[in-house]
Amino acid sequence: PPPTEPGPTAYVAARFAEYGLKPAPGMSGYLQTAGVVQRPATQPNRRPRWDVVAPEGAERITTNAIGWLQGSDPEAGVLMISAHLDHLGVRDGVIMHGANGDASGVAAVLALARTLAAGGEPKRSILFVCYGAEEMGLLGSLWFARNPPVPISSIVANLEIEMIGQQDPNMPAGIMMMTGFERSNFGPTLKE
């Protein structure tokens, strides 16, 4: 199925503008659009896979919403706060509700964007990103990684927010789960 996030992406972009965020460096607006194509299977008994390409001429598109809060120290690096906009929709007649996954993450990104933009200039610049077509194979974030508005090397941390709409029943009450501690220094830095 084609990505179905144009409405939510436009909404998020409008909120970024309302909060006083600017388009990211090198971007003329808040939207980053990619074409979505299906690639043939590379091996027998494998399904075709989705990929992202330049949007010109593509039959399907996906769009990321990106906002920028300029920091005071260009040498301090960029903090990225992200979530994904899409959800699975309806599968085999069953609604796959996205409120606890994508919607709660996007709500958190918007709340942080509004709050941080109202708080004055931070030391680090902050990139707020809401990806499209993540459920199809992380396509929005793949397009972002291939076409970043700032050098990837300048992003010192990415806080990806998802599944915060309700308490995980497998976790003790009041405990938040964070992943990625073992793959970066983000967890130890938070503990300091």
C-alpha atoms as a PDB file:
ATOM      1  CA  PRO A   1       0.000   0.000   0.000  1.00  0.00           C
ATOM      2  CA  PRO A   2       1.165   3.568  -0.555  1.00  0.00           C
ATOM      3  CA  PRO A   3       2.332   5.643   2.400  1.00  0.00           C
ATOM      4  CA  THR A   4      -0.595   7.547   3.893  1.00  0.00           C
ATOM      5  CA  GLU A   5       0.960  10.263   6.006  1.00  0.00           C
ATOM      6  CA  PRO A   6       0.607  13.509   3.946  1.00  0.00           C
ATOM      7  CA  GLY A   7      -2.026  14.933   6.333  1.00  0.00           C
ATOM      8  CA  PRO A   8      -0.109  14.198   9.546  1.00  0.00           C
ATOM      9  CA  THR A   9       3.164  15.386   8.007  1.00  0.00           C
ATOM     10  CA  ALA A  10       1.606  18.708   6.968  1.00  0.00           C
ATOM     11  CA  TYR A  11       0.119  19.058  10.457  1.00  0.00           C
ATOM     12  CA  VAL A  12       3.494  18.500  12.123  1.00  0.00           C
ATOM     13  CA  ALA A  13       5.209  20.940   9.729  1.00  0.00           C
ATOM     14  CA  ALA A  14       2.582  23.585  10.536  1.00  0.00           C
ATOM     15  CA  ARG A  15       3.159  23.097  14.268  1.00  0.00           C
ATOM     16  CA  PHE A  16       6.930  23.429  13.796  1.00  0.00           C
ATOM     17  CA  ALA A  17       6.352  26.773  12.058  1.00  0.00           C
ATOM     18  CA  GLU A  18       3.831  27.862  14.717  1.00  0.00           C
ATOM     19  CA  TYR A  19       6.350  27.118  17.487  1.00  0.00           C
ATOM     20  CA  GLY A  20       8.991  29.270  15.796  1.00  0.00           C
ATOM     21  CA  LEU A  21      11.223  26.479  14.535  1.00  0.00           C
ATOM     22  CA  LYS A  22      12.979  27.158  11.246  1.00  0.00           C
ATOM     23  CA  PRO A  23      13.546  24.871   8.277  1.00  0.00           C
ATOM     24  CA  ALA A  24      16.722  22.852   8.739  1.00  0.00           C
ATOM     25  CA  PRO A  25      19.904  24.175   7.109  1.00  0.00           C
ATOM     26  CA  GLY A  26      19.770  23.813   3.353  1.00  0.00           C
ATOM     27  CA  MET A  27      16.003  23.201   3.336  1.00  0.00           C
ATOM     28  CA  SER A  28      13.523  25.770   2.008  1.00  0.00           C
ATOM     29  CA  GLY A  29      10.621  24.359   4.051  1.00  0.00           C
ATOM     30  CA  TYR A  30       9.791  21.796   6.696  1.00  0.00           C
ATOM     31  CA  LEU A  31       9.075  18.852   4.391  1.00  0.00           C
ATOM     32  CA  GLN A  32      11.547  16.322   2.970  1.00  0.00           C
ATOM     33  CA  THR A  33       9.906  14.169   0.313  1.00  0.00           C
ATOM     34  CA  ALA A  34      11.048  10.858  -1.153  1.00  0.00           C
ATOM     35  CA  GLY A  35       9.694   8.509  -3.776  1.00  0.00           C
ATOM     36  CA  VAL A  36       8.809   4.991  -2.680  1.00  0.00           C
ATOM     37  CA  VAL A  37       9.502   2.144  -5.104  1.00  0.00           C
ATOM     38  CA  GLN A  38       9.276  -1.601  -4.886  1.00  0.00           C
ATOM     39  CA  ARG A  39      12.459  -3.499  -5.735  1.00  0.00           C
ATOM     40  CA  PRO A  40      12.280  -7.059  -7.032  1.00  0.00           C
ATOM     41  CA  ALA A  41      13.231  -9.924  -4.775  1.00  0.00           C
ATOM     42  CA  THR A  42      16.941 -10.697  -4.943  1.00  0.00           C
ATOM     43  CA  GLN A  43      16.549 -14.382  -4.123  1.00  0.00           C
ATOM     44  CA  PRO A  44      13.950 -17.060  -4.844  1.00  0.00           C
ATOM     45  CA  ASN A  45      11.155 -17.305  -2.266  1.00  0.00           C
ATOM     46  CA  ARG A  46      11.889 -13.779  -1.021  1.00  0.00           C
ATOM     47  CA  ARG A  47       9.388 -10.944  -1.143  1.00  0.00           C
ATOM     48  CA  PRO A  48      10.081  -7.710  -3.013  1.00  0.00           C
ATOM     49  CA  ARG A  49      11.347  -4.907  -0.814  1.00  0.00           C
ATOM     50  CA  TRP A  50      10.527  -1.222  -0.611  1.00  0.00           C
ATOM     51  CA  ASP A  51      13.163   1.467  -1.201  1.00  0.00           C
ATOM     52  CA  VAL A  52      13.299   5.264  -1.362  1.00  0.00           C
ATOM     53  CA  VAL A  53      14.436   7.331  -4.320  1.00  0.00           C
ATOM     54  CA  ALA A  54      14.169  10.927  -5.507  1.00  0.00           C
ATOM     55  CA  PRO A  55      10.466  11.819  -5.630  1.00  0.00           C
ATOM     56  CA  GLU A  56      10.369  12.980  -9.255  1.00  0.00           C
ATOM     57  CA  GLY A  57       8.290  10.526 -11.273  1.00  0.00           C
ATOM     58  CA  ALA A  58       7.715   8.106  -8.387  1.00  0.00           C
ATOM     59  CA  GLU A  59       4.222   6.620  -8.158  1.00  0.00           C
ATOM     60  CA  ARG A  60       4.240   6.761  -4.350  1.00  0.00           C
ATOM     61  CA  ILE A  61       5.772   9.242  -1.961  1.00  0.00           C
ATOM     62  CA  THR A  62       6.614   9.574   1.684  1.00  0.00           C
ATOM     63  CA  THR A  63       7.394  12.749   3.547  1.00  0.00           C
ATOM     64  CA  ASN A  64       9.414  13.609   6.642  1.00  0.00           C
ATOM     65  CA  ALA A  65       8.652  16.732   8.675  1.00  0.00           C
ATOM     66  CA  ILE A  66      11.819  18.444   9.922  1.00  0.00           C
ATOM     67  CA  GLY A  67      12.153  21.483  12.197  1.00  0.00           C
ATOM     68  CA  TRP A  68      15.282  23.275  13.382  1.00  0.00           C
ATOM     69  CA  LEU A  69      16.040  25.133  16.606  1.00  0.00           C
ATOM     70  CA  GLN A  70      19.326  26.993  16.242  1.00  0.00           C
ATOM     71  CA  GLY A  71      21.766  26.647  19.111  1.00  0.00           C
ATOM     72  CA  SER A  72      24.248  29.218  20.370  1.00  0.00           C
ATOM     73  CA  ASP A  73      27.377  27.085  19.901  1.00  0.00           C
ATOM     74  CA  PRO A  74      27.938  25.751  16.361  1.00  0.00           C
ATOM     75  CA  GLU A  75      30.727  23.503  17.689  1.00  0.00           C
ATOM     76  CA  ALA A  76      28.467  21.786  20.276  1.00  0.00           C
ATOM     77  CA  GLY A  77      26.845  19.464  17.757  1.00  0.00           C
ATOM     78  CA  VAL A  78      23.204  18.751  17.049  1.00  0.00           C
ATOM     79  CA  LEU A  79      20.694  16.899  19.204  1.00  0.00           C
ATOM     80  CA  MET A  80      18.007  15.080  17.220  1.00  0.00           C
ATOM     81  CA  ILE A  81      14.572  14.245  18.623  1.00  0.00           C
ATOM     82  CA  SER A  82      12.501  11.984  16.382  1.00  0.00           C
ATOM     83  CA  ALA A  83       9.435   9.776  15.982  1.00  0.00           C
ATOM     84  CA  HIS A  84       7.546   8.194  13.096  1.00  0.00           C
ATOM     85  CA  LEU A  85       4.226   9.338  11.671  1.00  0.00           C
ATOM     86  CA  ASP A  86       2.788   6.291   9.975  1.00  0.00           C
ATOM     87  CA  HIS A  87       1.065   3.213  11.318  1.00  0.00           C
ATOM     88  CA  LEU A  88       0.040  -0.124   9.891  1.00  0.00           C
ATOM     89  CA  GLY A  89      -3.567   0.845   9.165  1.00  0.00           C
ATOM     90  CA  VAL A  90      -5.861  -2.108   8.518  1.00  0.00           C
ATOM     91  CA  ARG A  91      -4.461  -5.617   8.079  1.00  0.00           C
ATOM     92  CA  ASP A  92      -6.755  -8.513   7.193  1.00  0.00           C
ATOM     93  CA  GLY A  93      -9.754  -6.464   8.334  1.00  0.00           C
ATOM     94  CA  VAL A  94      -8.227  -5.659  11.731  1.00  0.00           C
ATOM     95  CA  ILE A  95      -7.429  -2.047  12.674  1.00  0.00           C
ATOM     96  CA  MET A  96      -3.807  -1.812  13.784  1.00  0.00           C
ATOM     97  CA  HIS A  97      -4.093   1.098  16.214  1.00  0.00           C
ATOM     98  CA  GLY A  98      -1.077   3.391  16.186  1.00  0.00           C
ATOM     99  CA  ALA A  99      -1.891   5.632  19.140  1.00  0.00           C
ATOM    100  CA  ASN A 100       0.574   4.045  21.566  1.00  0.00           C
ATOM    101  CA  GLY A 101       3.347   3.809  18.974  1.00  0.00           C
ATOM    102  CA  ASP A 102       3.649   6.532  16.407  1.00  0.00           C
ATOM    103  CA  ALA A 103       1.020   8.964  17.735  1.00  0.00           C
ATOM    104  CA  SER A 104       2.462   9.093  21.246  1.00  0.00           C
ATOM    105  CA  GLY A 105       5.976   9.607  19.876  1.00  0.00           C
ATOM    106  CA  VAL A 106       4.864  12.409  17.548  1.00  0.00           C
ATOM    107  CA  ALA A 107       2.936  14.056  20.399  1.00  0.00           C
ATOM    108  CA  ALA A 108       6.107  13.962  22.507  1.00  0.00           C
ATOM    109  CA  VAL A 109       8.229  15.437  19.698  1.00  0.00           C
ATOM    110  CA  LEU A 110       5.703  18.254  19.268  1.00  0.00           C
ATOM    111  CA  ALA A 111       5.546  18.925  23.022  1.00  0.00           C
ATOM    112  CA  LEU A 112       9.335  19.041  23.253  1.00  0.00           C
ATOM    113  CA  ALA A 113       9.556  21.279  20.166  1.00  0.00           C
ATOM    114  CA  ARG A 114       7.027  23.733  21.622  1.00  0.00           C
ATOM    115  CA  THR A 115       8.640  23.760  25.059  1.00  0.00           C
ATOM    116  CA  LEU A 116      12.259  23.994  23.907  1.00  0.00           C
ATOM    117  CA  ALA A 117      11.473  26.680  21.305  1.00  0.00           C
ATOM    118  CA  ALA A 118       9.763  28.770  23.989  1.00  0.00           C
ATOM    119  CA  GLY A 119      12.740  28.386  26.326  1.00  0.00           C
ATOM    120  CA  GLY A 120      15.226  30.507  24.412  1.00  0.00           C
ATOM    121  CA  GLU A 121      18.302  29.531  22.500  1.00  0.00           C
ATOM    122  CA  PRO A 122      19.846  26.216  23.579  1.00  0.00           C
ATOM    123  CA  LYS A 123      23.603  25.621  23.457  1.00  0.00           C
ATOM    124  CA  ARG A 124      23.216  22.773  20.951  1.00  0.00           C
ATOM    125  CA  SER A 125      21.082  23.078  17.859  1.00  0.00           C
ATOM    126  CA  ILE A 126      18.113  20.706  17.910  1.00  0.00           C
ATOM    127  CA  LEU A 127      16.684  18.869  14.911  1.00  0.00           C
ATOM    128  CA  PHE A 128      13.082  17.681  15.323  1.00  0.00           C
ATOM    129  CA  VAL A 129      12.210  14.936  12.824  1.00  0.00           C
ATOM    130  CA  CYS A 130       8.997  12.997  12.226  1.00  0.00           C
ATOM    131  CA  TYR A 131       9.513  10.262   9.637  1.00  0.00           C
ATOM    132  CA  GLY A 132       7.052   8.816   7.150  1.00  0.00           C
ATOM    133  CA  ALA A 133       6.911   5.220   5.858  1.00  0.00           C
ATOM    134  CA  GLU A 134       8.693   3.654   8.815  1.00  0.00           C
ATOM    135  CA  GLU A 135       6.324   0.706   9.021  1.00  0.00           C
ATOM    136  CA  MET A 136       7.127  -0.163   5.380  1.00  0.00           C
ATOM    137  CA  GLY A 137      10.781  -0.716   6.237  1.00  0.00           C
ATOM    138  CA  LEU A 138      12.218   2.383   7.943  1.00  0.00           C
ATOM    139  CA  LEU A 139      11.968   4.275   4.649  1.00  0.00           C
ATOM    140  CA  GLY A 140      11.587   7.816   6.003  1.00  0.00           C
ATOM    141  CA  SER A 141      14.640   7.480   8.213  1.00  0.00           C
ATOM    142  CA  LEU A 142      16.557   5.822   5.369  1.00  0.00           C
ATOM    143  CA  TRP A 143      15.822   8.811   3.115  1.00  0.00           C
ATOM    144  CA  PHE A 144      16.834  11.169   5.936  1.00  0.00           C
ATOM    145  CA  ALA A 145      20.116   9.265   6.428  1.00  0.00           C
ATOM    146  CA  ARG A 146      20.854   9.401   2.699  1.00  0.00           C
ATOM    147  CA  ASN A 147      19.919  13.115   2.503  1.00  0.00           C
ATOM    148  CA  PRO A 148      20.577  14.664   5.903  1.00  0.00           C
ATOM    149  CA  PRO A 149      20.071  18.430   6.219  1.00  0.00           C
ATOM    150  CA  VAL A 150      23.128  18.542   8.488  1.00  0.00           C
ATOM    151  CA  PRO A 151      26.175  16.267   8.392  1.00  0.00           C
ATOM    152  CA  ILE A 152      25.386  13.012  10.198  1.00  0.00           C
ATOM    153  CA  SER A 153      28.708  13.395  12.028  1.00  0.00           C
ATOM    154  CA  SER A 154      27.388  16.581  13.683  1.00  0.00           C
ATOM    155  CA  ILE A 155      24.461  14.738  15.308  1.00  0.00           C
ATOM    156  CA  VAL A 156      25.707  13.897  18.796  1.00  0.00           C
ATOM    157  CA  ALA A 157      22.575  12.021  19.928  1.00  0.00           C
ATOM    158  CA  ASN A 158      19.185  10.959  18.602  1.00  0.00           C
ATOM    159  CA  LEU A 159      16.312  10.459  21.004  1.00  0.00           C
ATOM    160  CA  GLU A 160      13.734   8.380  19.081  1.00  0.00           C
ATOM    161  CA  ILE A 161      10.417   8.375  20.931  1.00  0.00           C
ATOM    162  CA  GLU A 162       7.840   5.627  20.518  1.00  0.00           C
ATOM    163  CA  MET A 163       5.394   3.556  22.544  1.00  0.00           C
ATOM    164  CA  ILE A 164       4.994   6.011  25.421  1.00  0.00           C
ATOM    165  CA  GLY A 165       1.191   6.249  25.258  1.00  0.00           C
ATOM    166  CA  GLN A 166       0.653   3.674  27.968  1.00  0.00           C
ATOM    167  CA  GLN A 167       2.632   1.738  30.529  1.00  0.00           C
ATOM    168  CA  ASP A 168       4.254  -1.447  29.206  1.00  0.00           C
ATOM    169  CA  PRO A 169       2.503  -4.235  31.154  1.00  0.00           C
ATOM    170  CA  ASN A 170       5.810  -6.131  31.349  1.00  0.00           C
ATOM    171  CA  MET A 171       7.522  -3.261  33.179  1.00  0.00           C
ATOM    172  CA  PRO A 172       7.099  -2.182  36.818  1.00  0.00           C
ATOM    173  CA  ALA A 173       4.772   0.808  37.253  1.00  0.00           C
ATOM    174  CA  GLY A 174       6.479   4.137  36.639  1.00  0.00           C
ATOM    175  CA  ILE A 175       9.467   2.620  34.826  1.00  0.00           C
ATOM    176  CA  MET A 176      10.340   3.707  31.296  1.00  0.00           C
ATOM    177  CA  MET A 177      12.213   1.383  28.977  1.00  0.00           C
ATOM    178  CA  MET A 178      15.051   2.797  26.908  1.00  0.00           C
ATOM    179  CA  THR A 179      16.989   0.837  24.325  1.00  0.00           C
ATOM    180  CA  GLY A 180      20.350   1.502  22.737  1.00  0.00           C
ATOM    181  CA  PHE A 181      22.408   1.916  25.902  1.00  0.00           C
ATOM    182  CA  GLU A 182      24.786  -0.791  24.758  1.00  0.00           C
ATOM    183  CA  ARG A 183      25.277   0.808  21.322  1.00  0.00           C
ATOM    184  CA  SER A 184      26.258   4.315  22.382  1.00  0.00           C
ATOM    185  CA  ASN A 185      27.251   6.529  25.270  1.00  0.00           C
ATOM    186  CA  PHE A 186      23.742   8.040  25.447  1.00  0.00           C
ATOM    187  CA  GLY A 187      22.632   5.916  28.425  1.00  0.00           C
ATOM    188  CA  PRO A 188      25.712   6.549  30.571  1.00  0.00           C
ATOM    189  CA  THR A 189      25.487  10.270  29.738  1.00  0.00           C
ATOM    190  CA  LEU A 190      21.865  10.342  30.942  1.00  0.00           C
ATOM    191  CA  LYS A 191      22.899   8.632  34.172  1.00  0.00           C
ATOM    192  CA  GLU A 192      25.449  11.375  34.957  1.00  0.00           C
END
